[in-house]
Structure formats: C-alpha cells, structure tokens
Amino acid sequence: MVAIVNRGLDRYDHLGNSHDFEPSPRLRAEQKRAVEAVLDSSDLAMNVRGAAGTGKTATLREIDRGLREAGQEVVAVAPTRSAVDELQKVGFRDAMTVSRLLEDQESQRALHGRVLIVDEAGMVSGRQMQSLLHLAEDHGPRIVFSGDTRQIRSVEASDALRILEQESGMKSVSLTGVQRQTNAAYREAVQTMRHSPEQGFAKLEELGAIREVHVFDRSQAVAELHREFRTKGHDTLVVAATHEEISHITDAIRRDRKEHGELEAGHSFDRHVPLQLDGSPETGSVQLP
C-alpha cells in the first residue's frame, strides 16, 4: 500500500486541471484550504482528515463540485451501507459500498480517468485498501480519502488509513474546527476530549451531560430516557459498546413501549445468519416489533 502511494507522488496533472474554482463562501477558512489542496494535488492519493462534526461532508461536496467544473467525473464509495446512504443524501447519487466496487468488474472498468472519493476511509481494511490502490494503478482513478483514524476502525485486520498517514508520503489536510455542536461549552468539551479524554469527560460532567447509573439499572434507565425524549418529540439514537448490551437495552426499550401501549404483540421470524467462512465482516441484524 505504501509503495503504491509513494509511486504516485507528483506524477499527475493537478486534480482541478488548474481550473479557477471559488469554494462556497459558506465554508470556513480551513474547509476552503482543504478544497484548494485537493484540487491542487498532483498525487495518486490525497487525504482529507477530520473528526466528526468538523464539516467533512460539506467539504466533500465542494470538492465534488470543483472536480466536476474542471471536467472530472467522480465516483464515491464508503465501507458501510449507512455511510453510502448518507453520501447519496448529500448529492453523491451513484455512491456504492467499497465491497460492491471490489466485486463489480464493470464498475471497476468505469473508473478509468475518474476520481474516486473514499468516505469513512478509516474503516477500510488493509485487504480492501490494497485492492483499491491496485485499482487506481490498473484502471487510472485518482483517490481522495476522507476519514478519521481516531473514530471507528475496520472490522477486518489492518488500520490501513493510519498506516498510509504515518508510513507513506501521502499528503493530508486536516479539519479541526467543530461546528456540529451549537452549545459553546459543549463544543469546547468535545474539542478538549480529542487531545485529553480525561479533561474532556470532566468538562462534560460539569455540564451535567453525563449520568452515572449502576450496571444492573442501566437498561431500564436508558429505556425511561428514550421514552422521555420521544414524548418531547426528539429523535433518539441509542449507542452501546457490545452486542450483549445492545440486546439488553433493546429488550428494555421494547418492554417499556409495550407497557405504554406503543407496541402490540410481537411476531417471531426465522433469520439466517452468515457463518462468515470467507472472512468477510459480520452483517448487522434487525429486530422487528
């Protein structure tokens, strides 16, 4: 992987074809710099690095606009179906999963002369990353990675994006300013957490954003909070660390909704679960009321 990236340094025309492109005035200064850096790149691969909430999606949209105005065709991929759905929502209508691209020879042949945007690149495994880079050498697409190695990593082996950042000559441009959190104190706590998790959690605790619950009471507490927010009309996302915890919390929420008349009698369905004998990552499951 490192060798392929290094062989592609300074070997191409500028991605933006020296087209005079003016990024949207709605972008922050660092987002504009990221767009300009990508369009000015003469390398095989370029990396836009940024944590959640720093405006990567808006930056990618402007990169896409700049590339298209310069006559470049763009293909967007992401490691998961949910990430692909998000790409499609913001304008990348033909976005597909990395797995589909690597399995579809017709899609691979269509990459010739195009630019491949790889979103959530920190989740791409070593096997997939190697295949993507070989595609770039064999079929000619340039690659723009977008992701953060400090977020969720690949299910399969190898922290590929981190390896490229640390070991290759790939140029990266970083987005650091958090804009997702509108509350200034909360935004400061999130920014602090990136370089000092202990201090960041202390700030969140001061804000009352953390509630400590005994492990045996946690599922019921989450179910009650879920109902409280739902009653106020808020959409609520529950995140847990393990599949076992997810199961306990989901059961508690379902019981609570049944008790309050929101769910009726359940139905049982047979579900076929892949054994993953080929080494591919496990797929998720859906629980129905």
C-alpha atoms as a PDB file:
ATOM      1  CA  MET A   1       0.000   0.000   0.000  1.00  0.00           C
ATOM      2  CA  VAL A   2       2.755   2.409   0.971  1.00  0.00           C
ATOM      3  CA  ALA A   3       4.730   1.629  -2.177  1.00  0.00           C
ATOM      4  CA  ILE A   4       1.746   2.281  -4.458  1.00  0.00           C
ATOM      5  CA  VAL A   5       1.011   5.633  -2.800  1.00  0.00           C
ATOM      6  CA  ASN A   6       4.658   6.680  -2.957  1.00  0.00           C
ATOM      7  CA  ARG A   7       4.957   5.719  -6.626  1.00  0.00           C
ATOM      8  CA  GLY A   8       2.059   8.068  -7.327  1.00  0.00           C
ATOM      9  CA  LEU A   9       3.577  11.201  -5.758  1.00  0.00           C
ATOM     10  CA  ASP A  10       3.803  14.214  -8.112  1.00  0.00           C
ATOM     11  CA  ARG A  11       3.145  12.079 -11.204  1.00  0.00           C
ATOM     12  CA  TYR A  12      -0.126  13.597 -12.390  1.00  0.00           C
ATOM     13  CA  ASP A  13      -1.719  16.830 -13.515  1.00  0.00           C
ATOM     14  CA  HIS A  14      -3.476  18.907 -10.881  1.00  0.00           C
ATOM     15  CA  LEU A  15      -6.798  17.312  -9.951  1.00  0.00           C
ATOM     16  CA  GLY A  16      -8.566  20.580 -10.662  1.00  0.00           C
ATOM     17  CA  ASN A  17      -6.819  20.932 -14.019  1.00  0.00           C
ATOM     18  CA  SER A  18      -5.692  24.435 -12.952  1.00  0.00           C
ATOM     19  CA  HIS A  19      -9.341  25.488 -13.217  1.00  0.00           C
ATOM     20  CA  ASP A  20     -10.071  28.741 -11.371  1.00  0.00           C
ATOM     21  CA  PHE A  21     -12.520  27.465  -8.753  1.00  0.00           C
ATOM     22  CA  GLU A  22     -14.062  29.568  -5.988  1.00  0.00           C
ATOM     23  CA  PRO A  23     -15.251  27.491  -2.981  1.00  0.00           C
ATOM     24  CA  SER A  24     -18.594  28.366  -1.432  1.00  0.00           C
ATOM     25  CA  PRO A  25     -18.475  31.356   0.937  1.00  0.00           C
ATOM     26  CA  ARG A  26     -20.416  29.230   3.443  1.00  0.00           C
ATOM     27  CA  LEU A  27     -17.273  27.178   4.096  1.00  0.00           C
ATOM     28  CA  ARG A  28     -14.890  28.036   6.912  1.00  0.00           C
ATOM     29  CA  ALA A  29     -11.347  29.078   6.014  1.00  0.00           C
ATOM     30  CA  GLU A  30      -9.878  25.650   6.794  1.00  0.00           C
ATOM     31  CA  GLN A  31     -12.543  23.938   4.683  1.00  0.00           C
ATOM     32  CA  LYS A  32     -11.667  26.202   1.753  1.00  0.00           C
ATOM     33  CA  ARG A  33      -7.990  25.361   2.225  1.00  0.00           C
ATOM     34  CA  ALA A  34      -8.860  21.648   2.144  1.00  0.00           C
ATOM     35  CA  VAL A  35     -10.815  22.048  -1.102  1.00  0.00           C
ATOM     36  CA  GLU A  36      -7.968  24.026  -2.683  1.00  0.00           C
ATOM     37  CA  ALA A  37      -5.360  21.493  -1.517  1.00  0.00           C
ATOM     38  CA  VAL A  38      -7.254  18.581  -3.077  1.00  0.00           C
ATOM     39  CA  LEU A  39      -7.861  20.382  -6.382  1.00  0.00           C
ATOM     40  CA  ASP A  40      -4.176  21.350  -6.486  1.00  0.00           C
ATOM     41  CA  SER A  41      -2.962  17.789  -5.805  1.00  0.00           C
ATOM     42  CA  SER A  42      -0.725  16.108  -8.384  1.00  0.00           C
ATOM     43  CA  ASP A  43      -0.561  12.797  -6.475  1.00  0.00           C
ATOM     44  CA  LEU A  44      -2.332   9.488  -6.919  1.00  0.00           C
ATOM     45  CA  ALA A  45      -3.899   9.723  -3.444  1.00  0.00           C
ATOM     46  CA  MET A  46      -4.854  12.644  -1.194  1.00  0.00           C
ATOM     47  CA  ASN A  47      -6.344  12.605   2.288  1.00  0.00           C
ATOM     48  CA  VAL A  48      -8.876  14.932   3.958  1.00  0.00           C
ATOM     49  CA  ARG A  49      -8.638  14.233   7.677  1.00  0.00           C
ATOM     50  CA  GLY A  50     -11.217  15.407  10.183  1.00  0.00           C
ATOM     51  CA  ALA A  51     -13.120  14.248  13.230  1.00  0.00           C
ATOM     52  CA  ALA A  52     -16.907  14.070  13.452  1.00  0.00           C
ATOM     53  CA  GLY A  53     -18.578  17.453  13.290  1.00  0.00           C
ATOM     54  CA  THR A  54     -15.748  19.286  11.531  1.00  0.00           C
ATOM     55  CA  GLY A  55     -17.571  19.684   8.223  1.00  0.00           C
ATOM     56  CA  LYS A  56     -16.061  16.882   6.116  1.00  0.00           C
ATOM     57  CA  THR A  57     -19.312  16.266   4.241  1.00  0.00           C
ATOM     58  CA  ALA A  58     -19.727  19.913   3.206  1.00  0.00           C
ATOM     59  CA  THR A  59     -16.065  19.943   2.196  1.00  0.00           C
ATOM     60  CA  LEU A  60     -16.503  16.801   0.078  1.00  0.00           C
ATOM     61  CA  ARG A  61     -19.489  18.373  -1.681  1.00  0.00           C
ATOM     62  CA  GLU A  62     -17.370  21.368  -2.660  1.00  0.00           C
ATOM     63  CA  ILE A  63     -14.509  19.117  -3.762  1.00  0.00           C
ATOM     64  CA  ASP A  64     -17.004  17.224  -5.918  1.00  0.00           C
ATOM     65  CA  ARG A  65     -18.298  20.488  -7.415  1.00  0.00           C
ATOM     66  CA  GLY A  66     -14.765  21.714  -8.091  1.00  0.00           C
ATOM     67  CA  LEU A  67     -13.785  18.451  -9.772  1.00  0.00           C
ATOM     68  CA  ARG A  68     -16.870  18.391 -11.966  1.00  0.00           C
ATOM     69  CA  GLU A  69     -16.388  22.013 -13.018  1.00  0.00           C
ATOM     70  CA  ALA A  70     -12.842  21.020 -14.008  1.00  0.00           C
ATOM     71  CA  GLY A  71     -14.243  18.258 -16.215  1.00  0.00           C
ATOM     72  CA  GLN A  72     -13.542  15.382 -13.835  1.00  0.00           C
ATOM     73  CA  GLU A  73     -16.045  12.580 -13.245  1.00  0.00           C
ATOM     74  CA  VAL A  74     -16.409  11.463  -9.647  1.00  0.00           C
ATOM     75  CA  VAL A  75     -17.270   8.098  -8.076  1.00  0.00           C
ATOM     76  CA  ALA A  76     -17.941   7.938  -4.316  1.00  0.00           C
ATOM     77  CA  VAL A  77     -17.658   4.844  -2.124  1.00  0.00           C
ATOM     78  CA  ALA A  78     -17.854   4.093   1.593  1.00  0.00           C
ATOM     79  CA  PRO A  79     -17.289   0.958   3.713  1.00  0.00           C
ATOM     80  CA  THR A  80     -20.851   0.605   5.050  1.00  0.00           C
ATOM     81  CA  ARG A  81     -24.363   0.787   3.625  1.00  0.00           C
ATOM     82  CA  SER A  82     -25.330   3.522   6.105  1.00  0.00           C
ATOM     83  CA  ALA A  83     -22.360   5.669   5.053  1.00  0.00           C
ATOM     84  CA  VAL A  84     -23.343   5.190   1.402  1.00  0.00           C
ATOM     85  CA  ASP A  85     -26.897   6.286   2.241  1.00  0.00           C
ATOM     86  CA  GLU A  86     -25.503   9.486   3.773  1.00  0.00           C
ATOM     87  CA  LEU A  87     -23.413  10.144   0.666  1.00  0.00           C
ATOM     88  CA  GLN A  88     -26.467   9.693  -1.532  1.00  0.00           C
ATOM     89  CA  LYS A  89     -28.458  12.119   0.636  1.00  0.00           C
ATOM     90  CA  VAL A  90     -25.909  14.899   0.087  1.00  0.00           C
ATOM     91  CA  GLY A  91     -25.709  14.510  -3.674  1.00  0.00           C
ATOM     92  CA  PHE A  92     -23.481  11.513  -4.482  1.00  0.00           C
ATOM     93  CA  ARG A  93     -26.383   9.627  -6.089  1.00  0.00           C
ATOM     94  CA  ASP A  94     -24.304   6.805  -7.559  1.00  0.00           C
ATOM     95  CA  ALA A  95     -22.350   6.120  -4.356  1.00  0.00           C
ATOM     96  CA  MET A  96     -21.737   2.453  -3.572  1.00  0.00           C
ATOM     97  CA  THR A  97     -20.048   0.336  -0.927  1.00  0.00           C
ATOM     98  CA  VAL A  98     -16.363  -0.471  -1.194  1.00  0.00           C
ATOM     99  CA  SER A  99     -17.280  -4.171  -1.272  1.00  0.00           C
ATOM    100  CA  ARG A 100     -19.592  -3.715  -4.248  1.00  0.00           C
ATOM    101  CA  LEU A 101     -16.933  -1.823  -6.186  1.00  0.00           C
ATOM    102  CA  LEU A 102     -14.350  -4.515  -5.482  1.00  0.00           C
ATOM    103  CA  GLU A 103     -16.768  -7.227  -6.640  1.00  0.00           C
ATOM    104  CA  ASP A 104     -18.152  -5.479  -9.750  1.00  0.00           C
ATOM    105  CA  GLN A 105     -15.727  -5.587 -12.680  1.00  0.00           C
ATOM    106  CA  GLU A 106     -17.936  -3.329 -14.789  1.00  0.00           C
ATOM    107  CA  SER A 107     -17.813  -0.619 -12.112  1.00  0.00           C
ATOM    108  CA  GLN A 108     -14.058  -1.075 -11.906  1.00  0.00           C
ATOM    109  CA  ARG A 109     -13.605  -0.602 -15.651  1.00  0.00           C
ATOM    110  CA  ALA A 110     -15.744   2.533 -15.484  1.00  0.00           C
ATOM    111  CA  LEU A 111     -13.221   4.096 -13.079  1.00  0.00           C
ATOM    112  CA  HIS A 112     -10.787   4.888 -15.885  1.00  0.00           C
ATOM    113  CA  GLY A 113      -9.885   8.573 -15.804  1.00  0.00           C
ATOM    114  CA  ARG A 114     -12.222   9.329 -12.879  1.00  0.00           C
ATOM    115  CA  VAL A 115     -11.679  10.489  -9.307  1.00  0.00           C
ATOM    116  CA  LEU A 116     -12.590   8.019  -6.538  1.00  0.00           C
ATOM    117  CA  ILE A 117     -13.748   9.577  -3.256  1.00  0.00           C
ATOM    118  CA  VAL A 118     -13.490   7.117  -0.348  1.00  0.00           C
ATOM    119  CA  ASP A 119     -15.554   8.366   2.594  1.00  0.00           C
ATOM    120  CA  GLU A 120     -15.124   6.980   6.135  1.00  0.00           C
ATOM    121  CA  ALA A 121     -11.735   5.726   4.934  1.00  0.00           C
ATOM    122  CA  GLY A 122     -10.619   4.963   8.490  1.00  0.00           C
ATOM    123  CA  MET A 123     -12.951   1.937   8.388  1.00  0.00           C
ATOM    124  CA  VAL A 124     -11.384   0.487   5.228  1.00  0.00           C
ATOM    125  CA  SER A 125      -9.430  -2.694   5.987  1.00  0.00           C
ATOM    126  CA  GLY A 126      -5.945  -3.480   4.771  1.00  0.00           C
ATOM    127  CA  ARG A 127      -7.240  -6.014   2.245  1.00  0.00           C
ATOM    128  CA  GLN A 128      -9.760  -3.536   0.830  1.00  0.00           C
ATOM    129  CA  MET A 129      -7.275  -0.654   0.834  1.00  0.00           C
ATOM    130  CA  GLN A 130      -4.717  -2.704  -1.078  1.00  0.00           C
ATOM    131  CA  SER A 131      -7.379  -3.639  -3.631  1.00  0.00           C
ATOM    132  CA  LEU A 132      -8.475  -0.004  -4.032  1.00  0.00           C
ATOM    133  CA  LEU A 133      -4.907   1.148  -4.592  1.00  0.00           C
ATOM    134  CA  HIS A 134      -4.287  -1.624  -7.119  1.00  0.00           C
ATOM    135  CA  LEU A 135      -7.449  -0.482  -8.906  1.00  0.00           C
ATOM    136  CA  ALA A 136      -6.004   3.025  -9.007  1.00  0.00           C
ATOM    137  CA  GLU A 137      -2.828   1.727 -10.635  1.00  0.00           C
ATOM    138  CA  ASP A 138      -4.606  -0.615 -13.029  1.00  0.00           C
ATOM    139  CA  HIS A 139      -7.629   1.488 -14.040  1.00  0.00           C
ATOM    140  CA  GLY A 140      -6.325   5.009 -13.563  1.00  0.00           C
ATOM    141  CA  PRO A 141      -8.609   6.717 -10.994  1.00  0.00           C
ATOM    142  CA  ARG A 142      -7.125   9.224  -8.587  1.00  0.00           C
ATOM    143  CA  ILE A 143      -8.191   8.760  -4.962  1.00  0.00           C
ATOM    144  CA  VAL A 144      -9.388  11.251  -2.339  1.00  0.00           C
ATOM    145  CA  PHE A 145      -9.673   9.702   1.118  1.00  0.00           C
ATOM    146  CA  SER A 146     -11.896  11.252   3.778  1.00  0.00           C
ATOM    147  CA  GLY A 147     -11.931   9.977   7.332  1.00  0.00           C
ATOM    148  CA  ASP A 148     -10.558   9.993  10.829  1.00  0.00           C
ATOM    149  CA  THR A 149      -8.328   7.233  12.209  1.00  0.00           C
ATOM    150  CA  ARG A 150      -9.468   8.069  15.748  1.00  0.00           C
ATOM    151  CA  GLN A 151     -13.058   7.044  15.059  1.00  0.00           C
ATOM    152  CA  ILE A 152     -14.439   3.569  14.297  1.00  0.00           C
ATOM    153  CA  ARG A 153     -11.861   1.289  12.688  1.00  0.00           C
ATOM    154  CA  SER A 154     -12.205  -1.553  10.249  1.00  0.00           C
ATOM    155  CA  VAL A 155     -13.781  -4.818  11.390  1.00  0.00           C
ATOM    156  CA  GLU A 156     -11.178  -6.683   9.342  1.00  0.00           C
ATOM    157  CA  ALA A 157      -7.448  -6.622  10.009  1.00  0.00           C
ATOM    158  CA  SER A 158      -5.139  -3.634   9.483  1.00  0.00           C
ATOM    159  CA  ASP A 159      -5.593   0.016  10.349  1.00  0.00           C
ATOM    160  CA  ALA A 160      -4.904   0.907   6.716  1.00  0.00           C
ATOM    161  CA  LEU A 161      -5.507   4.669   6.637  1.00  0.00           C
ATOM    162  CA  ARG A 162      -3.333   5.200   9.717  1.00  0.00           C
ATOM    163  CA  ILE A 163      -0.544   3.183   8.079  1.00  0.00           C
ATOM    164  CA  LEU A 164      -0.703   5.378   4.979  1.00  0.00           C
ATOM    165  CA  GLU A 165      -0.741   8.561   7.061  1.00  0.00           C
ATOM    166  CA  GLN A 166       2.264   7.504   9.112  1.00  0.00           C
ATOM    167  CA  GLU A 167       4.377   5.479   6.684  1.00  0.00           C
ATOM    168  CA  SER A 168       3.749   6.855   3.193  1.00  0.00           C
ATOM    169  CA  GLY A 169       4.316  10.234   1.595  1.00  0.00           C
ATOM    170  CA  MET A 170       0.560  10.800   1.181  1.00  0.00           C
ATOM    171  CA  LYS A 171      -0.363  14.417   1.848  1.00  0.00           C
ATOM    172  CA  SER A 172      -3.147  15.086   4.335  1.00  0.00           C
ATOM    173  CA  VAL A 173      -5.126  18.235   5.012  1.00  0.00           C
ATOM    174  CA  SER A 174      -6.894  18.459   8.387  1.00  0.00           C
ATOM    175  CA  LEU A 175     -10.236  19.871   9.500  1.00  0.00           C
ATOM    176  CA  THR A 176     -10.207  20.680  13.213  1.00  0.00           C
ATOM    177  CA  GLY A 177     -12.948  23.211  13.920  1.00  0.00           C
ATOM    178  CA  VAL A 178     -16.062  21.633  15.409  1.00  0.00           C
ATOM    179  CA  GLN A 179     -19.290  23.107  14.068  1.00  0.00           C
ATOM    180  CA  ARG A 180     -21.824  20.374  14.836  1.00  0.00           C
ATOM    181  CA  GLN A 181     -22.275  21.369  18.498  1.00  0.00           C
ATOM    182  CA  THR A 182     -24.032  24.739  18.733  1.00  0.00           C
ATOM    183  CA  ASN A 183     -23.598  24.975  22.514  1.00  0.00           C
ATOM    184  CA  ALA A 184     -20.220  26.681  23.037  1.00  0.00           C
ATOM    185  CA  ALA A 185     -19.414  24.913  26.323  1.00  0.00           C
ATOM    186  CA  TYR A 186     -20.301  21.505  24.897  1.00  0.00           C
ATOM    187  CA  ARG A 187     -18.273  22.216  21.760  1.00  0.00           C
ATOM    188  CA  GLU A 188     -15.267  23.137  23.921  1.00  0.00           C
ATOM    189  CA  ALA A 189     -15.626  19.873  25.872  1.00  0.00           C
ATOM    190  CA  VAL A 190     -15.696  17.835  22.644  1.00  0.00           C
ATOM    191  CA  GLN A 191     -12.600  19.615  21.326  1.00  0.00           C
ATOM    192  CA  THR A 192     -10.802  19.041  24.644  1.00  0.00           C
ATOM    193  CA  MET A 193     -11.659  15.338  24.554  1.00  0.00           C
ATOM    194  CA  ARG A 194      -9.670  14.863  21.339  1.00  0.00           C
ATOM    195  CA  HIS A 195      -6.342  15.646  22.992  1.00  0.00           C
ATOM    196  CA  SER A 196      -7.233  14.926  26.630  1.00  0.00           C
ATOM    197  CA  PRO A 197     -10.145  12.492  27.120  1.00  0.00           C
ATOM    198  CA  GLU A 198      -9.935  12.790  30.921  1.00  0.00           C
ATOM    199  CA  GLN A 199     -10.307  16.574  30.861  1.00  0.00           C
ATOM    200  CA  GLY A 200     -12.980  16.357  28.186  1.00  0.00           C
ATOM    201  CA  PHE A 201     -15.108  13.991  30.271  1.00  0.00           C
ATOM    202  CA  ALA A 202     -14.584  16.248  33.309  1.00  0.00           C
ATOM    203  CA  LYS A 203     -15.983  19.195  31.330  1.00  0.00           C
ATOM    204  CA  LEU A 204     -18.966  17.124  30.194  1.00  0.00           C
ATOM    205  CA  GLU A 205     -19.613  16.077  33.779  1.00  0.00           C
ATOM    206  CA  GLU A 206     -19.555  19.717  34.886  1.00  0.00           C
ATOM    207  CA  LEU A 207     -22.181  20.456  32.228  1.00  0.00           C
ATOM    208  CA  GLY A 208     -24.391  17.653  33.548  1.00  0.00           C
ATOM    209  CA  ALA A 209     -24.059  15.803  30.242  1.00  0.00           C
ATOM    210  CA  ILE A 210     -23.025  12.534  31.916  1.00  0.00           C
ATOM    211  CA  ARG A 211     -25.286  10.430  34.105  1.00  0.00           C
ATOM    212  CA  GLU A 212     -23.737   7.552  36.041  1.00  0.00           C
ATOM    213  CA  VAL A 213     -26.017   4.540  36.516  1.00  0.00           C
ATOM    214  CA  HIS A 214     -25.361   1.178  38.165  1.00  0.00           C
ATOM    215  CA  VAL A 215     -24.761  -1.530  35.570  1.00  0.00           C
ATOM    216  CA  PHE A 216     -27.855  -3.514  36.680  1.00  0.00           C
ATOM    217  CA  ASP A 217     -30.108  -0.445  36.314  1.00  0.00           C
ATOM    218  CA  ARG A 218     -28.643   0.871  33.085  1.00  0.00           C
ATOM    219  CA  SER A 219     -31.009  -0.735  30.562  1.00  0.00           C
ATOM    220  CA  GLN A 220     -34.140   0.464  32.364  1.00  0.00           C
ATOM    221  CA  ALA A 221     -32.678   3.951  32.817  1.00  0.00           C
ATOM    222  CA  VAL A 222     -31.955   4.174  29.093  1.00  0.00           C
ATOM    223  CA  ALA A 223     -35.481   2.945  28.282  1.00  0.00           C
ATOM    224  CA  GLU A 224     -37.011   5.641  30.503  1.00  0.00           C
ATOM    225  CA  LEU A 225     -34.844   8.356  28.945  1.00  0.00           C
ATOM    226  CA  HIS A 226     -35.733   7.067  25.496  1.00  0.00           C
ATOM    227  CA  ARG A 227     -39.451   7.446  26.331  1.00  0.00           C
ATOM    228  CA  GLU A 228     -38.878  10.879  27.889  1.00  0.00           C
ATOM    229  CA  PHE A 229     -37.155  12.248  24.779  1.00  0.00           C
ATOM    230  CA  ARG A 230     -39.654  10.573  22.466  1.00  0.00           C
ATOM    231  CA  THR A 231     -42.544  12.176  24.389  1.00  0.00           C
ATOM    232  CA  LYS A 232     -40.919  15.580  23.773  1.00  0.00           C
ATOM    233  CA  GLY A 233     -40.767  14.831  20.048  1.00  0.00           C
ATOM    234  CA  HIS A 234     -36.999  14.220  19.864  1.00  0.00           C
ATOM    235  CA  ASP A 235     -35.453  11.562  17.622  1.00  0.00           C
ATOM    236  CA  THR A 236     -33.210   9.420  19.803  1.00  0.00           C
ATOM    237  CA  LEU A 237     -30.216   7.271  18.906  1.00  0.00           C
ATOM    238  CA  VAL A 238     -29.051   4.730  21.493  1.00  0.00           C
ATOM    239  CA  VAL A 239     -25.435   3.556  21.231  1.00  0.00           C
ATOM    240  CA  ALA A 240     -23.934   0.703  23.262  1.00  0.00           C
ATOM    241  CA  ALA A 241     -20.473  -0.831  23.398  1.00  0.00           C
ATOM    242  CA  THR A 242     -21.241  -4.523  22.917  1.00  0.00           C
ATOM    243  CA  HIS A 243     -23.835  -6.722  21.207  1.00  0.00           C
ATOM    244  CA  GLU A 244     -24.852  -8.077  24.617  1.00  0.00           C
ATOM    245  CA  GLU A 245     -25.536  -4.568  25.917  1.00  0.00           C
ATOM    246  CA  ILE A 246     -27.462  -3.732  22.742  1.00  0.00           C
ATOM    247  CA  SER A 247     -29.665  -6.771  23.310  1.00  0.00           C
ATOM    248  CA  HIS A 248     -30.396  -5.861  26.967  1.00  0.00           C
ATOM    249  CA  ILE A 249     -31.176  -2.224  26.157  1.00  0.00           C
ATOM    250  CA  THR A 250     -33.310  -3.097  23.137  1.00  0.00           C
ATOM    251  CA  ASP A 251     -35.348  -5.535  25.250  1.00  0.00           C
ATOM    252  CA  ALA A 252     -35.834  -2.878  27.942  1.00  0.00           C
ATOM    253  CA  ILE A 253     -36.989  -0.256  25.423  1.00  0.00           C
ATOM    254  CA  ARG A 254     -39.391  -2.716  23.794  1.00  0.00           C
ATOM    255  CA  ARG A 255     -40.851  -3.730  27.176  1.00  0.00           C
ATOM    256  CA  ASP A 256     -41.303  -0.075  28.102  1.00  0.00           C
ATOM    257  CA  ARG A 257     -43.039   0.718  24.806  1.00  0.00           C
ATOM    258  CA  LYS A 258     -45.334  -2.312  25.190  1.00  0.00           C
ATOM    259  CA  GLU A 259     -46.256  -1.215  28.735  1.00  0.00           C
ATOM    260  CA  HIS A 260     -47.203   2.217  27.384  1.00  0.00           C
ATOM    261  CA  GLY A 261     -49.271   0.791  24.521  1.00  0.00           C
ATOM    262  CA  GLU A 262     -46.890   1.827  21.733  1.00  0.00           C
ATOM    263  CA  LEU A 263     -46.192  -1.742  20.610  1.00  0.00           C
ATOM    264  CA  GLU A 264     -48.620  -4.618  20.309  1.00  0.00           C
ATOM    265  CA  ALA A 265     -47.953  -8.359  20.311  1.00  0.00           C
ATOM    266  CA  GLY A 266     -44.689  -9.403  18.717  1.00  0.00           C
ATOM    267  CA  HIS A 267     -44.140 -11.862  15.890  1.00  0.00           C
ATOM    268  CA  SER A 268     -41.321 -14.366  15.538  1.00  0.00           C
ATOM    269  CA  PHE A 269     -39.293 -14.654  12.327  1.00  0.00           C
ATOM    270  CA  ASP A 270     -36.600 -17.082  11.241  1.00  0.00           C
ATOM    271  CA  ARG A 271     -33.402 -15.257  10.384  1.00  0.00           C
ATOM    272  CA  HIS A 272     -30.471 -16.820   8.510  1.00  0.00           C
ATOM    273  CA  VAL A 273     -27.118 -15.681   9.878  1.00  0.00           C
ATOM    274  CA  PRO A 274     -23.993 -15.993   7.669  1.00  0.00           C
ATOM    275  CA  LEU A 275     -21.154 -18.020   9.166  1.00  0.00           C
ATOM    276  CA  GLN A 276     -18.575 -15.694   7.519  1.00  0.00           C
ATOM    277  CA  LEU A 277     -16.395 -18.624   6.484  1.00  0.00           C
ATOM    278  CA  ASP A 278     -14.828 -16.441   3.769  1.00  0.00           C
ATOM    279  CA  GLY A 279     -13.515 -13.987   6.377  1.00  0.00           C
ATOM    280  CA  SER A 280     -15.857 -11.112   5.428  1.00  0.00           C
ATOM    281  CA  PRO A 281     -17.189  -8.906   8.267  1.00  0.00           C
ATOM    282  CA  GLU A 282     -20.375  -9.904  10.041  1.00  0.00           C
ATOM    283  CA  THR A 283     -23.544  -8.196   8.879  1.00  0.00           C
ATOM    284  CA  GLY A 284     -25.911  -6.482  11.265  1.00  0.00           C
ATOM    285  CA  SER A 285     -29.308  -7.770  12.353  1.00  0.00           C
ATOM    286  CA  VAL A 286     -32.729  -6.146  12.597  1.00  0.00           C
ATOM    287  CA  GLN A 287     -35.208  -6.679  15.426  1.00  0.00           C
ATOM    288  CA  LEU A 288     -38.858  -6.226  14.473  1.00  0.00           C
ATOM    289  CA  PRO A 289     -41.764  -5.398  16.759  1.00  0.00           C
END
